[in-house]
Amino acid sequence: MSTLENKLIARPFTYNELLSYQEDTVASRTIIDKKTGTVTVFAFDAGQRLSTHSAPFDALVQITDGKALITIEEKKFELKAGEQIIMPANKPHSVAAPEKFKMVLIMIKSN
């Protein structure tokens, strides 16, 4: 169990407080890392992106601040804070920041 994970157990927190925006970068912080899945918080500066890729497991993305552009199999989705989307396993997807935004990614490593 990570030090951060230990600090978060049995105490209220928000995803947005866990990670600050950093100029010209995509910052991330994993808060749960188990062989069965991960929970990672991301902060994207405006103009940043994760290029098209795929993963072997479904992933739930929830936007917690700002707006994001998520593309899944060439279909574009604009999401805002409070909205979420499931990125299906083995399907190409990308994430772009038309403005600063934060998200949490929950990946369950099971089929």
PDB file of N, CA and C in Angstrom:
ATOM      1  N   MET A   1       0.846  -1.164   0.000  1.00  0.00           N
ATOM      2  CA  MET A   1       0.000   0.000   0.000  1.00  0.00           C
ATOM      3  C   MET A   1       0.900   1.238   0.000  1.00  0.00           C
ATOM      4  N   SER A   2       0.600   2.214  -0.870  1.00  0.00           N
ATOM      5  CA  SER A   2       1.417   3.421  -0.961  1.00  0.00           C
ATOM      6  C   SER A   2       1.200   4.327   0.252  1.00  0.00           C
ATOM      7  N   THR A   3       2.148   5.224   0.465  1.00  0.00           N
ATOM      8  CA  THR A   3       2.033   6.186   1.557  1.00  0.00           C
ATOM      9  C   THR A   3       0.790   7.041   1.379  1.00  0.00           C
ATOM     10  N   LEU A   4       0.531   7.515   0.143  1.00  0.00           N
ATOM     11  CA  LEU A   4      -0.657   8.323  -0.104  1.00  0.00           C
ATOM     12  C   LEU A   4      -1.917   7.518   0.188  1.00  0.00           C
ATOM     13  N   GLU A   5      -1.952   6.277  -0.285  1.00  0.00           N
ATOM     14  CA  GLU A   5      -3.112   5.423  -0.043  1.00  0.00           C
ATOM     15  C   GLU A   5      -3.359   5.284   1.464  1.00  0.00           C
ATOM     16  N   ASN A   6      -2.304   5.090   2.239  1.00  0.00           N
ATOM     17  CA  ASN A   6      -2.439   5.006   3.701  1.00  0.00           C
ATOM     18  C   ASN A   6      -3.040   6.279   4.283  1.00  0.00           C
ATOM     19  N   LYS A   7      -2.604   7.441   3.793  1.00  0.00           N
ATOM     20  CA  LYS A   7      -3.086   8.721   4.315  1.00  0.00           C
ATOM     21  C   LYS A   7      -4.563   8.953   3.997  1.00  0.00           C
ATOM     22  N   LEU A   8      -5.074   8.331   2.949  1.00  0.00           N
ATOM     23  CA  LEU A   8      -6.447   8.572   2.522  1.00  0.00           C
ATOM     24  C   LEU A   8      -7.458   7.618   3.149  1.00  0.00           C
ATOM     25  N   ILE A   9      -6.988   6.523   3.684  1.00  0.00           N
ATOM     26  CA  ILE A   9      -7.905   5.520   4.236  1.00  0.00           C
ATOM     27  C   ILE A   9      -8.657   6.092   5.423  1.00  0.00           C
ATOM     28  N   ALA A  10      -9.964   5.905   5.402  1.00  0.00           N
ATOM     29  CA  ALA A  10     -10.858   6.302   6.496  1.00  0.00           C
ATOM     30  C   ALA A  10     -10.812   7.797   6.779  1.00  0.00           C
ATOM     31  N   ARG A  11     -10.684   8.604   5.701  1.00  0.00           N
ATOM     32  CA  ARG A  11     -10.807  10.048   5.861  1.00  0.00           C
ATOM     33  C   ARG A  11     -11.423  10.623   4.590  1.00  0.00           C
ATOM     34  N   PRO A  12     -12.342  11.576   4.743  1.00  0.00           N
ATOM     35  CA  PRO A  12     -12.956  12.187   3.557  1.00  0.00           C
ATOM     36  C   PRO A  12     -11.931  12.985   2.742  1.00  0.00           C
ATOM     37  N   PHE A  13     -12.088  12.971   1.426  1.00  0.00           N
ATOM     38  CA  PHE A  13     -11.245  13.776   0.542  1.00  0.00           C
ATOM     39  C   PHE A  13     -11.983  13.984  -0.767  1.00  0.00           C
ATOM     40  N   THR A  14     -11.509  14.924  -1.555  1.00  0.00           N
ATOM     41  CA  THR A  14     -12.002  15.079  -2.920  1.00  0.00           C
ATOM     42  C   THR A  14     -10.852  14.756  -3.858  1.00  0.00           C
ATOM     43  N   TYR A  15     -11.183  14.264  -5.040  1.00  0.00           N
ATOM     44  CA  TYR A  15     -10.134  13.983  -6.021  1.00  0.00           C
ATOM     45  C   TYR A  15      -9.367  15.257  -6.367  1.00  0.00           C
ATOM     46  N   ASN A  16     -10.083  16.379  -6.497  1.00  0.00           N
ATOM     47  CA  ASN A  16      -9.440  17.617  -6.940  1.00  0.00           C
ATOM     48  C   ASN A  16      -8.365  18.113  -5.983  1.00  0.00           C
ATOM     49  N   GLU A  17      -8.479  17.813  -4.706  1.00  0.00           N
ATOM     50  CA  GLU A  17      -7.472  18.286  -3.751  1.00  0.00           C
ATOM     51  C   GLU A  17      -6.181  17.471  -3.801  1.00  0.00           C
ATOM     52  N   LEU A  18      -6.204  16.328  -4.452  1.00  0.00           N
ATOM     53  CA  LEU A  18      -5.052  15.430  -4.438  1.00  0.00           C
ATOM     54  C   LEU A  18      -3.959  15.789  -5.426  1.00  0.00           C
ATOM     55  N   LEU A  19      -4.286  16.645  -6.401  1.00  0.00           N
ATOM     56  CA  LEU A  19      -3.332  16.907  -7.475  1.00  0.00           C
ATOM     57  C   LEU A  19      -3.548  18.319  -8.003  1.00  0.00           C
ATOM     58  N   SER A  20      -2.464  19.063  -8.162  1.00  0.00           N
ATOM     59  CA  SER A  20      -2.524  20.416  -8.707  1.00  0.00           C
ATOM     60  C   SER A  20      -2.200  20.397 -10.191  1.00  0.00           C
ATOM     61  N   TYR A  21      -2.700  21.400 -10.907  1.00  0.00           N
ATOM     62  CA  TYR A  21      -2.311  21.573 -12.306  1.00  0.00           C
ATOM     63  C   TYR A  21      -0.848  21.962 -12.370  1.00  0.00           C
ATOM     64  N   GLN A  22      -0.161  21.470 -13.412  1.00  0.00           N
ATOM     65  CA  GLN A  22       1.232  21.822 -13.649  1.00  0.00           C
ATOM     66  C   GLN A  22       1.347  22.301 -15.083  1.00  0.00           C
ATOM     67  N   GLU A  23       2.061  23.395 -15.277  1.00  0.00           N
ATOM     68  CA  GLU A  23       2.151  24.022 -16.584  1.00  0.00           C
ATOM     69  C   GLU A  23       2.718  23.072 -17.639  1.00  0.00           C
ATOM     70  N   ASP A  24       2.034  23.009 -18.774  1.00  0.00           N
ATOM     71  CA  ASP A  24       2.476  22.244 -19.952  1.00  0.00           C
ATOM     72  C   ASP A  24       2.685  20.762 -19.694  1.00  0.00           C
ATOM     73  N   THR A  25       1.867  20.168 -18.830  1.00  0.00           N
ATOM     74  CA  THR A  25       2.055  18.744 -18.562  1.00  0.00           C
ATOM     75  C   THR A  25       0.734  18.076 -18.178  1.00  0.00           C
ATOM     76  N   VAL A  26       0.779  16.752 -18.196  1.00  0.00           N
ATOM     77  CA  VAL A  26      -0.279  15.915 -17.637  1.00  0.00           C
ATOM     78  C   VAL A  26       0.297  15.321 -16.362  1.00  0.00           C
ATOM     79  N   ALA A  27      -0.252  15.718 -15.233  1.00  0.00           N
ATOM     80  CA  ALA A  27       0.209  15.192 -13.949  1.00  0.00           C
ATOM     81  C   ALA A  27      -0.716  14.059 -13.534  1.00  0.00           C
ATOM     82  N   SER A  28      -0.172  13.074 -12.822  1.00  0.00           N
ATOM     83  CA  SER A  28      -1.012  11.974 -12.353  1.00  0.00           C
ATOM     84  C   SER A  28      -0.555  11.518 -10.980  1.00  0.00           C
ATOM     85  N   ARG A  29      -1.505  10.933 -10.266  1.00  0.00           N
ATOM     86  CA  ARG A  29      -1.214  10.393  -8.936  1.00  0.00           C
ATOM     87  C   ARG A  29      -2.104   9.170  -8.749  1.00  0.00           C
ATOM     88  N   THR A  30      -1.488   8.021  -8.568  1.00  0.00           N
ATOM     89  CA  THR A  30      -2.229   6.791  -8.320  1.00  0.00           C
ATOM     90  C   THR A  30      -2.562   6.729  -6.837  1.00  0.00           C
ATOM     91  N   ILE A  31      -3.852   6.528  -6.539  1.00  0.00           N
ATOM     92  CA  ILE A  31      -4.245   6.487  -5.126  1.00  0.00           C
ATOM     93  C   ILE A  31      -4.602   5.082  -4.657  1.00  0.00           C
ATOM     94  N   ILE A  32      -4.911   4.200  -5.588  1.00  0.00           N
ATOM     95  CA  ILE A  32      -5.064   2.775  -5.267  1.00  0.00           C
ATOM     96  C   ILE A  32      -4.368   1.996  -6.376  1.00  0.00           C
ATOM     97  N   ASP A  33      -3.528   1.061  -5.995  1.00  0.00           N
ATOM     98  CA  ASP A  33      -2.790   0.255  -6.966  1.00  0.00           C
ATOM     99  C   ASP A  33      -2.775  -1.185  -6.477  1.00  0.00           C
ATOM    100  N   LYS A  34      -3.697  -1.968  -6.997  1.00  0.00           N
ATOM    101  CA  LYS A  34      -3.822  -3.379  -6.630  1.00  0.00           C
ATOM    102  C   LYS A  34      -3.724  -4.221  -7.897  1.00  0.00           C
ATOM    103  N   LYS A  35      -3.447  -5.502  -7.744  1.00  0.00           N
ATOM    104  CA  LYS A  35      -3.387  -6.340  -8.944  1.00  0.00           C
ATOM    105  C   LYS A  35      -4.758  -6.461  -9.605  1.00  0.00           C
ATOM    106  N   THR A  36      -5.822  -6.181  -8.879  1.00  0.00           N
ATOM    107  CA  THR A  36      -7.175  -6.257  -9.428  1.00  0.00           C
ATOM    108  C   THR A  36      -7.654  -4.951 -10.047  1.00  0.00           C
ATOM    109  N   GLY A  37      -6.909  -3.844  -9.835  1.00  0.00           N
ATOM    110  CA  GLY A  37      -7.309  -2.579 -10.437  1.00  0.00           C
ATOM    111  C   GLY A  37      -6.588  -1.390  -9.851  1.00  0.00           C
ATOM    112  N   THR A  38      -6.780  -0.246 -10.507  1.00  0.00           N
ATOM    113  CA  THR A  38      -6.140   0.988 -10.068  1.00  0.00           C
ATOM    114  C   THR A  38      -7.136   2.137 -10.086  1.00  0.00           C
ATOM    115  N   VAL A  39      -6.843   3.135  -9.253  1.00  0.00           N
ATOM    116  CA  VAL A  39      -7.557   4.414  -9.271  1.00  0.00           C
ATOM    117  C   VAL A  39      -6.483   5.480  -9.369  1.00  0.00           C
ATOM    118  N   THR A  40      -6.551   6.292 -10.429  1.00  0.00           N
ATOM    119  CA  THR A  40      -5.539   7.312 -10.679  1.00  0.00           C
ATOM    120  C   THR A  40      -6.216   8.641 -10.972  1.00  0.00           C
ATOM    121  N   VAL A  41      -5.697   9.700 -10.359  1.00  0.00           N
ATOM    122  CA  VAL A  41      -6.187  11.052 -10.597  1.00  0.00           C
ATOM    123  C   VAL A  41      -5.232  11.729 -11.573  1.00  0.00           C
ATOM    124  N   PHE A  42      -5.783  12.448 -12.556  1.00  0.00           N
ATOM    125  CA  PHE A  42      -4.995  13.165 -13.557  1.00  0.00           C
ATOM    126  C   PHE A  42      -5.374  14.636 -13.549  1.00  0.00           C
ATOM    127  N   ALA A  43      -4.393  15.500 -13.809  1.00  0.00           N
ATOM    128  CA  ALA A  43      -4.622  16.929 -14.021  1.00  0.00           C
ATOM    129  C   ALA A  43      -3.947  17.296 -15.344  1.00  0.00           C
ATOM    130  N   PHE A  44      -4.753  17.698 -16.327  1.00  0.00           N
ATOM    131  CA  PHE A  44      -4.260  18.055 -17.659  1.00  0.00           C
ATOM    132  C   PHE A  44      -4.200  19.574 -17.775  1.00  0.00           C
ATOM    133  N   ASP A  45      -3.065  20.114 -18.165  1.00  0.00           N
ATOM    134  CA  ASP A  45      -3.013  21.534 -18.493  1.00  0.00           C
ATOM    135  C   ASP A  45      -3.649  21.710 -19.876  1.00  0.00           C
ATOM    136  N   ALA A  46      -4.150  22.890 -20.151  1.00  0.00           N
ATOM    137  CA  ALA A  46      -4.777  23.168 -21.447  1.00  0.00           C
ATOM    138  C   ALA A  46      -3.816  22.828 -22.579  1.00  0.00           C
ATOM    139  N   GLY A  47      -4.342  22.156 -23.597  1.00  0.00           N
ATOM    140  CA  GLY A  47      -3.545  21.792 -24.766  1.00  0.00           C
ATOM    141  C   GLY A  47      -2.822  20.460 -24.653  1.00  0.00           C
ATOM    142  N   GLN A  48      -2.852  19.842 -23.496  1.00  0.00           N
ATOM    143  CA  GLN A  48      -2.175  18.553 -23.308  1.00  0.00           C
ATOM    144  C   GLN A  48      -3.090  17.413 -23.744  1.00  0.00           C
ATOM    145  N   ARG A  49      -2.488  16.235 -23.942  1.00  0.00           N
ATOM    146  CA  ARG A  49      -3.289  15.092 -24.382  1.00  0.00           C
ATOM    147  C   ARG A  49      -2.585  13.774 -24.114  1.00  0.00           C
ATOM    148  N   LEU A  50      -3.366  12.715 -24.118  1.00  0.00           N
ATOM    149  CA  LEU A  50      -2.843  11.353 -24.157  1.00  0.00           C
ATOM    150  C   LEU A  50      -3.189  10.832 -25.541  1.00  0.00           C
ATOM    151  N   SER A  51      -2.194  10.436 -26.300  1.00  0.00           N
ATOM    152  CA  SER A  51      -2.427  10.013 -27.680  1.00  0.00           C
ATOM    153  C   SER A  51      -3.223   8.711 -27.736  1.00  0.00           C
ATOM    154  N   THR A  52      -3.689   8.397 -28.913  1.00  0.00           N
ATOM    155  CA  THR A  52      -4.522   7.220 -29.121  1.00  0.00           C
ATOM    156  C   THR A  52      -3.795   5.951 -28.697  1.00  0.00           C
ATOM    157  N   HIS A  53      -4.488   5.171 -27.888  1.00  0.00           N
ATOM    158  CA  HIS A  53      -3.947   3.899 -27.394  1.00  0.00           C
ATOM    159  C   HIS A  53      -5.134   3.019 -27.006  1.00  0.00           C
ATOM    160  N   SER A  54      -4.866   1.811 -26.575  1.00  0.00           N
ATOM    161  CA  SER A  54      -5.923   0.930 -26.057  1.00  0.00           C
ATOM    162  C   SER A  54      -5.380   0.244 -24.809  1.00  0.00           C
ATOM    163  N   ALA A  55      -6.294  -0.318 -24.035  1.00  0.00           N
ATOM    164  CA  ALA A  55      -5.922  -1.035 -22.818  1.00  0.00           C
ATOM    165  C   ALA A  55      -6.687  -2.355 -22.797  1.00  0.00           C
ATOM    166  N   PRO A  56      -6.147  -3.357 -22.138  1.00  0.00           N
ATOM    167  CA  PRO A  56      -6.801  -4.669 -22.148  1.00  0.00           C
ATOM    168  C   PRO A  56      -8.015  -4.776 -21.219  1.00  0.00           C
ATOM    169  N   PHE A  57      -8.344  -3.686 -20.504  1.00  0.00           N
ATOM    170  CA  PHE A  57      -9.454  -3.714 -19.551  1.00  0.00           C
ATOM    171  C   PHE A  57     -10.335  -2.484 -19.724  1.00  0.00           C
ATOM    172  N   ASP A  58     -11.610  -2.602 -19.335  1.00  0.00           N
ATOM    173  CA  ASP A  58     -12.496  -1.442 -19.312  1.00  0.00           C
ATOM    174  C   ASP A  58     -11.968  -0.428 -18.306  1.00  0.00           C
ATOM    175  N   ALA A  59     -12.212   0.852 -18.588  1.00  0.00           N
ATOM    176  CA  ALA A  59     -11.810   1.918 -17.662  1.00  0.00           C
ATOM    177  C   ALA A  59     -12.947   2.932 -17.570  1.00  0.00           C
ATOM    178  N   LEU A  60     -13.260   3.323 -16.351  1.00  0.00           N
ATOM    179  CA  LEU A  60     -14.251   4.362 -16.101  1.00  0.00           C
ATOM    180  C   LEU A  60     -13.500   5.665 -15.878  1.00  0.00           C
ATOM    181  N   VAL A  61     -13.878   6.708 -16.621  1.00  0.00           N
ATOM    182  CA  VAL A  61     -13.294   8.030 -16.466  1.00  0.00           C
ATOM    183  C   VAL A  61     -14.377   8.959 -15.945  1.00  0.00           C
ATOM    184  N   GLN A  62     -14.072   9.695 -14.880  1.00  0.00           N
ATOM    185  CA  GLN A  62     -14.983  10.712 -14.374  1.00  0.00           C
ATOM    186  C   GLN A  62     -14.255  12.048 -14.381  1.00  0.00           C
ATOM    187  N   ILE A  63     -14.866  13.042 -14.986  1.00  0.00           N
ATOM    188  CA  ILE A  63     -14.293  14.384 -15.012  1.00  0.00           C
ATOM    189  C   ILE A  63     -14.672  15.060 -13.697  1.00  0.00           C
ATOM    190  N   THR A  64     -13.677  15.600 -13.011  1.00  0.00           N
ATOM    191  CA  THR A  64     -13.929  16.215 -11.706  1.00  0.00           C
ATOM    192  C   THR A  64     -13.759  17.734 -11.722  1.00  0.00           C
ATOM    193  N   ASP A  65     -13.163  18.276 -12.792  1.00  0.00           N
ATOM    194  CA  ASP A  65     -12.991  19.717 -12.917  1.00  0.00           C
ATOM    195  C   ASP A  65     -12.768  20.044 -14.387  1.00  0.00           C
ATOM    196  N   GLY A  66     -13.389  21.101 -14.887  1.00  0.00           N
ATOM    197  CA  GLY A  66     -13.174  21.539 -16.261  1.00  0.00           C
ATOM    198  C   GLY A  66     -13.892  20.674 -17.282  1.00  0.00           C
ATOM    199  N   LYS A  67     -13.355  20.690 -18.515  1.00  0.00           N
ATOM    200  CA  LYS A  67     -13.937  19.950 -19.638  1.00  0.00           C
ATOM    201  C   LYS A  67     -12.855  19.168 -20.369  1.00  0.00           C
ATOM    202  N   ALA A  68     -13.237  17.991 -20.850  1.00  0.00           N
ATOM    203  CA  ALA A  68     -12.305  17.115 -21.565  1.00  0.00           C
ATOM    204  C   ALA A  68     -12.905  16.682 -22.891  1.00  0.00           C
ATOM    205  N   LEU A  69     -12.049  16.334 -23.821  1.00  0.00           N
ATOM    206  CA  LEU A  69     -12.466  15.749 -25.088  1.00  0.00           C
ATOM    207  C   LEU A  69     -11.914  14.329 -25.118  1.00  0.00           C
ATOM    208  N   ILE A  70     -12.816  13.357 -25.109  1.00  0.00           N
ATOM    209  CA  ILE A  70     -12.415  11.954 -25.127  1.00  0.00           C
ATOM    210  C   ILE A  70     -12.902  11.344 -26.431  1.00  0.00           C
ATOM    211  N   THR A  71     -11.998  10.678 -27.112  1.00  0.00           N
ATOM    212  CA  THR A  71     -12.330  10.026 -28.378  1.00  0.00           C
ATOM    213  C   THR A  71     -12.221   8.527 -28.178  1.00  0.00           C
ATOM    214  N   ILE A  72     -13.281   7.805 -28.557  1.00  0.00           N
ATOM    215  CA  ILE A  72     -13.307   6.344 -28.480  1.00  0.00           C
ATOM    216  C   ILE A  72     -13.695   5.837 -29.860  1.00  0.00           C
ATOM    217  N   GLU A  73     -12.814   5.074 -30.462  1.00  0.00           N
ATOM    218  CA  GLU A  73     -13.039   4.554 -31.816  1.00  0.00           C
ATOM    219  C   GLU A  73     -13.481   5.664 -32.767  1.00  0.00           C
ATOM    220  N   GLU A  74     -12.764   6.780 -32.732  1.00  0.00           N
ATOM    221  CA  GLU A  74     -12.961   7.931 -33.606  1.00  0.00           C
ATOM    222  C   GLU A  74     -14.256   8.712 -33.338  1.00  0.00           C
ATOM    223  N   LYS A  75     -15.011   8.349 -32.316  1.00  0.00           N
ATOM    224  CA  LYS A  75     -16.202   9.115 -31.934  1.00  0.00           C
ATOM    225  C   LYS A  75     -15.823  10.037 -30.783  1.00  0.00           C
ATOM    226  N   LYS A  76     -16.098  11.339 -30.953  1.00  0.00           N
ATOM    227  CA  LYS A  76     -15.682  12.340 -29.972  1.00  0.00           C
ATOM    228  C   LYS A  76     -16.790  12.614 -28.952  1.00  0.00           C
ATOM    229  N   PHE A  77     -16.368  12.731 -27.687  1.00  0.00           N
ATOM    230  CA  PHE A  77     -17.277  13.030 -26.584  1.00  0.00           C
ATOM    231  C   PHE A  77     -16.690  14.195 -25.800  1.00  0.00           C
ATOM    232  N   GLU A  78     -17.493  15.235 -25.576  1.00  0.00           N
ATOM    233  CA  GLU A  78     -17.068  16.341 -24.741  1.00  0.00           C
ATOM    234  C   GLU A  78     -17.719  16.159 -23.374  1.00  0.00           C
ATOM    235  N   LEU A  79     -16.906  15.996 -22.349  1.00  0.00           N
ATOM    236  CA  LEU A  79     -17.411  15.763 -21.000  1.00  0.00           C
ATOM    237  C   LEU A  79     -17.034  16.925 -20.101  1.00  0.00           C
ATOM    238  N   LYS A  80     -17.904  17.206 -19.138  1.00  0.00           N
ATOM    239  CA  LYS A  80     -17.638  18.270 -18.173  1.00  0.00           C
ATOM    240  C   LYS A  80     -17.665  17.680 -16.770  1.00  0.00           C
ATOM    241  N   ALA A  81     -17.259  18.493 -15.804  1.00  0.00           N
ATOM    242  CA  ALA A  81     -17.198  18.047 -14.408  1.00  0.00           C
ATOM    243  C   ALA A  81     -18.514  17.396 -14.001  1.00  0.00           C
ATOM    244  N   GLY A  82     -18.397  16.239 -13.373  1.00  0.00           N
ATOM    245  CA  GLY A  82     -19.563  15.483 -12.928  1.00  0.00           C
ATOM    246  C   GLY A  82     -20.010  14.413 -13.901  1.00  0.00           C
ATOM    247  N   GLU A  83     -19.470  14.416 -15.115  1.00  0.00           N
ATOM    248  CA  GLU A  83     -19.838  13.405 -16.107  1.00  0.00           C
ATOM    249  C   GLU A  83     -18.766  12.328 -16.181  1.00  0.00           C
ATOM    250  N   GLN A  84     -19.181  11.152 -16.632  1.00  0.00           N
ATOM    251  CA  GLN A  84     -18.261  10.039 -16.761  1.00  0.00           C
ATOM    252  C   GLN A  84     -18.556   9.248 -18.032  1.00  0.00           C
ATOM    253  N   ILE A  85     -17.570   8.442 -18.410  1.00  0.00           N
ATOM    254  CA  ILE A  85     -17.705   7.600 -19.592  1.00  0.00           C
ATOM    255  C   ILE A  85     -16.880   6.334 -19.370  1.00  0.00           C
ATOM    256  N   ILE A  86     -17.338   5.241 -19.934  1.00  0.00           N
ATOM    257  CA  ILE A  86     -16.582   3.988 -19.884  1.00  0.00           C
ATOM    258  C   ILE A  86     -15.833   3.829 -21.200  1.00  0.00           C
ATOM    259  N   MET A  87     -14.531   3.657 -21.084  1.00  0.00           N
ATOM    260  CA  MET A  87     -13.707   3.374 -22.261  1.00  0.00           C
ATOM    261  C   MET A  87     -13.558   1.852 -22.322  1.00  0.00           C
ATOM    262  N   PRO A  88     -14.119   1.224 -23.355  1.00  0.00           N
ATOM    263  CA  PRO A  88     -14.117  -0.242 -23.410  1.00  0.00           C
ATOM    264  C   PRO A  88     -12.733  -0.827 -23.689  1.00  0.00           C
ATOM    265  N   ALA A  89     -12.542  -2.006 -23.177  1.00  0.00           N
ATOM    266  CA  ALA A  89     -11.288  -2.737 -23.374  1.00  0.00           C
ATOM    267  C   ALA A  89     -10.992  -2.918 -24.855  1.00  0.00           C
ATOM    268  N   ASN A  90      -9.729  -2.832 -25.187  1.00  0.00           N
ATOM    269  CA  ASN A  90      -9.215  -3.129 -26.524  1.00  0.00           C
ATOM    270  C   ASN A  90      -9.768  -2.242 -27.636  1.00  0.00           C
ATOM    271  N   LYS A  91     -10.309  -1.085 -27.281  1.00  0.00           N
ATOM    272  CA  LYS A  91     -10.807  -0.128 -28.278  1.00  0.00           C
ATOM    273  C   LYS A  91      -9.919   1.109 -28.224  1.00  0.00           C
ATOM    274  N   PRO A  92      -9.496   1.624 -29.391  1.00  0.00           N
ATOM    275  CA  PRO A  92      -8.628   2.800 -29.383  1.00  0.00           C
ATOM    276  C   PRO A  92      -9.343   4.019 -28.796  1.00  0.00           C
ATOM    277  N   HIS A  93      -8.615   4.754 -27.945  1.00  0.00           N
ATOM    278  CA  HIS A  93      -9.172   5.959 -27.338  1.00  0.00           C
ATOM    279  C   HIS A  93      -8.049   6.963 -27.079  1.00  0.00           C
ATOM    280  N   SER A  94      -8.440   8.228 -26.940  1.00  0.00           N
ATOM    281  CA  SER A  94      -7.492   9.283 -26.607  1.00  0.00           C
ATOM    282  C   SER A  94      -8.195  10.294 -25.714  1.00  0.00           C
ATOM    283  N   VAL A  95      -7.396  11.114 -25.045  1.00  0.00           N
ATOM    284  CA  VAL A  95      -7.913  12.118 -24.123  1.00  0.00           C
ATOM    285  C   VAL A  95      -7.193  13.428 -24.436  1.00  0.00           C
ATOM    286  N   ALA A  96      -7.967  14.513 -24.596  1.00  0.00           N
ATOM    287  CA  ALA A  96      -7.383  15.814 -24.904  1.00  0.00           C
ATOM    288  C   ALA A  96      -7.987  16.881 -24.002  1.00  0.00           C
ATOM    289  N   ALA A  97      -7.190  17.938 -23.771  1.00  0.00           N
ATOM    290  CA  ALA A  97      -7.590  19.021 -22.880  1.00  0.00           C
ATOM    291  C   ALA A  97      -7.762  20.324 -23.660  1.00  0.00           C
ATOM    292  N   PRO A  98      -8.981  20.622 -24.131  1.00  0.00           N
ATOM    293  CA  PRO A  98      -9.198  21.919 -24.768  1.00  0.00           C
ATOM    294  C   PRO A  98      -9.049  23.059 -23.751  1.00  0.00           C
ATOM    295  N   GLU A  99      -9.204  22.713 -22.467  1.00  0.00           N
ATOM    296  CA  GLU A  99      -8.946  23.621 -21.346  1.00  0.00           C
ATOM    297  C   GLU A  99      -8.425  22.761 -20.202  1.00  0.00           C
ATOM    298  N   LYS A 100      -7.957  23.373 -19.130  1.00  0.00           N
ATOM    299  CA  LYS A 100      -7.503  22.586 -17.981  1.00  0.00           C
ATOM    300  C   LYS A 100      -8.644  21.705 -17.489  1.00  0.00           C
ATOM    301  N   PHE A 101      -8.309  20.471 -17.124  1.00  0.00           N
ATOM    302  CA  PHE A 101      -9.319  19.614 -16.505  1.00  0.00           C
ATOM    303  C   PHE A 101      -8.644  18.562 -15.642  1.00  0.00           C
ATOM    304  N   LYS A 102      -9.438  18.024 -14.722  1.00  0.00           N
ATOM    305  CA  LYS A 102      -8.997  16.913 -13.883  1.00  0.00           C
ATOM    306  C   LYS A 102      -9.956  15.756 -14.066  1.00  0.00           C
ATOM    307  N   MET A 103      -9.413  14.552 -13.929  1.00  0.00           N
ATOM    308  CA  MET A 103     -10.241  13.356 -14.062  1.00  0.00           C
ATOM    309  C   MET A 103      -9.706  12.281 -13.142  1.00  0.00           C
ATOM    310  N   VAL A 104     -10.579  11.328 -12.841  1.00  0.00           N
ATOM    311  CA  VAL A 104     -10.163  10.113 -12.135  1.00  0.00           C
ATOM    312  C   VAL A 104     -10.407   8.959 -13.093  1.00  0.00           C
ATOM    313  N   LEU A 105      -9.451   8.055 -13.161  1.00  0.00           N
ATOM    314  CA  LEU A 105      -9.538   6.874 -14.010  1.00  0.00           C
ATOM    315  C   LEU A 105      -9.562   5.652 -13.107  1.00  0.00           C
ATOM    316  N   ILE A 106     -10.616   4.865 -13.248  1.00  0.00           N
ATOM    317  CA  ILE A 106     -10.748   3.634 -12.465  1.00  0.00           C
ATOM    318  C   ILE A 106     -10.670   2.472 -13.440  1.00  0.00           C
ATOM    319  N   MET A 107      -9.624   1.666 -13.294  1.00  0.00           N
ATOM    320  CA  MET A 107      -9.451   0.511 -14.179  1.00  0.00           C
ATOM    321  C   MET A 107      -9.579  -0.767 -13.350  1.00  0.00           C
ATOM    322  N   ILE A 108     -10.476  -1.623 -13.783  1.00  0.00           N
ATOM    323  CA  ILE A 108     -10.690  -2.914 -13.152  1.00  0.00           C
ATOM    324  C   ILE A 108      -9.980  -3.948 -14.023  1.00  0.00           C
ATOM    325  N   LYS A 109      -8.997  -4.616 -13.464  1.00  0.00           N
ATOM    326  CA  LYS A 109      -8.177  -5.554 -14.239  1.00  0.00           C
ATOM    327  C   LYS A 109      -8.773  -6.951 -14.200  1.00  0.00           C
ATOM    328  N   SER A 110      -9.891  -7.076 -14.891  1.00  0.00           N
ATOM    329  CA  SER A 110     -10.604  -8.345 -14.967  1.00  0.00           C
ATOM    330  C   SER A 110     -11.411  -8.347 -16.249  1.00  0.00           C
ATOM    331  N   ASN A 111     -11.635  -9.503 -16.802  1.00  0.00           N
ATOM    332  CA  ASN A 111     -12.448  -9.597 -18.017  1.00  0.00           C
ATOM    333  C   ASN A 111     -13.839 -10.055 -17.723  1.00  0.00           C
TER     334      ASN A 111
END
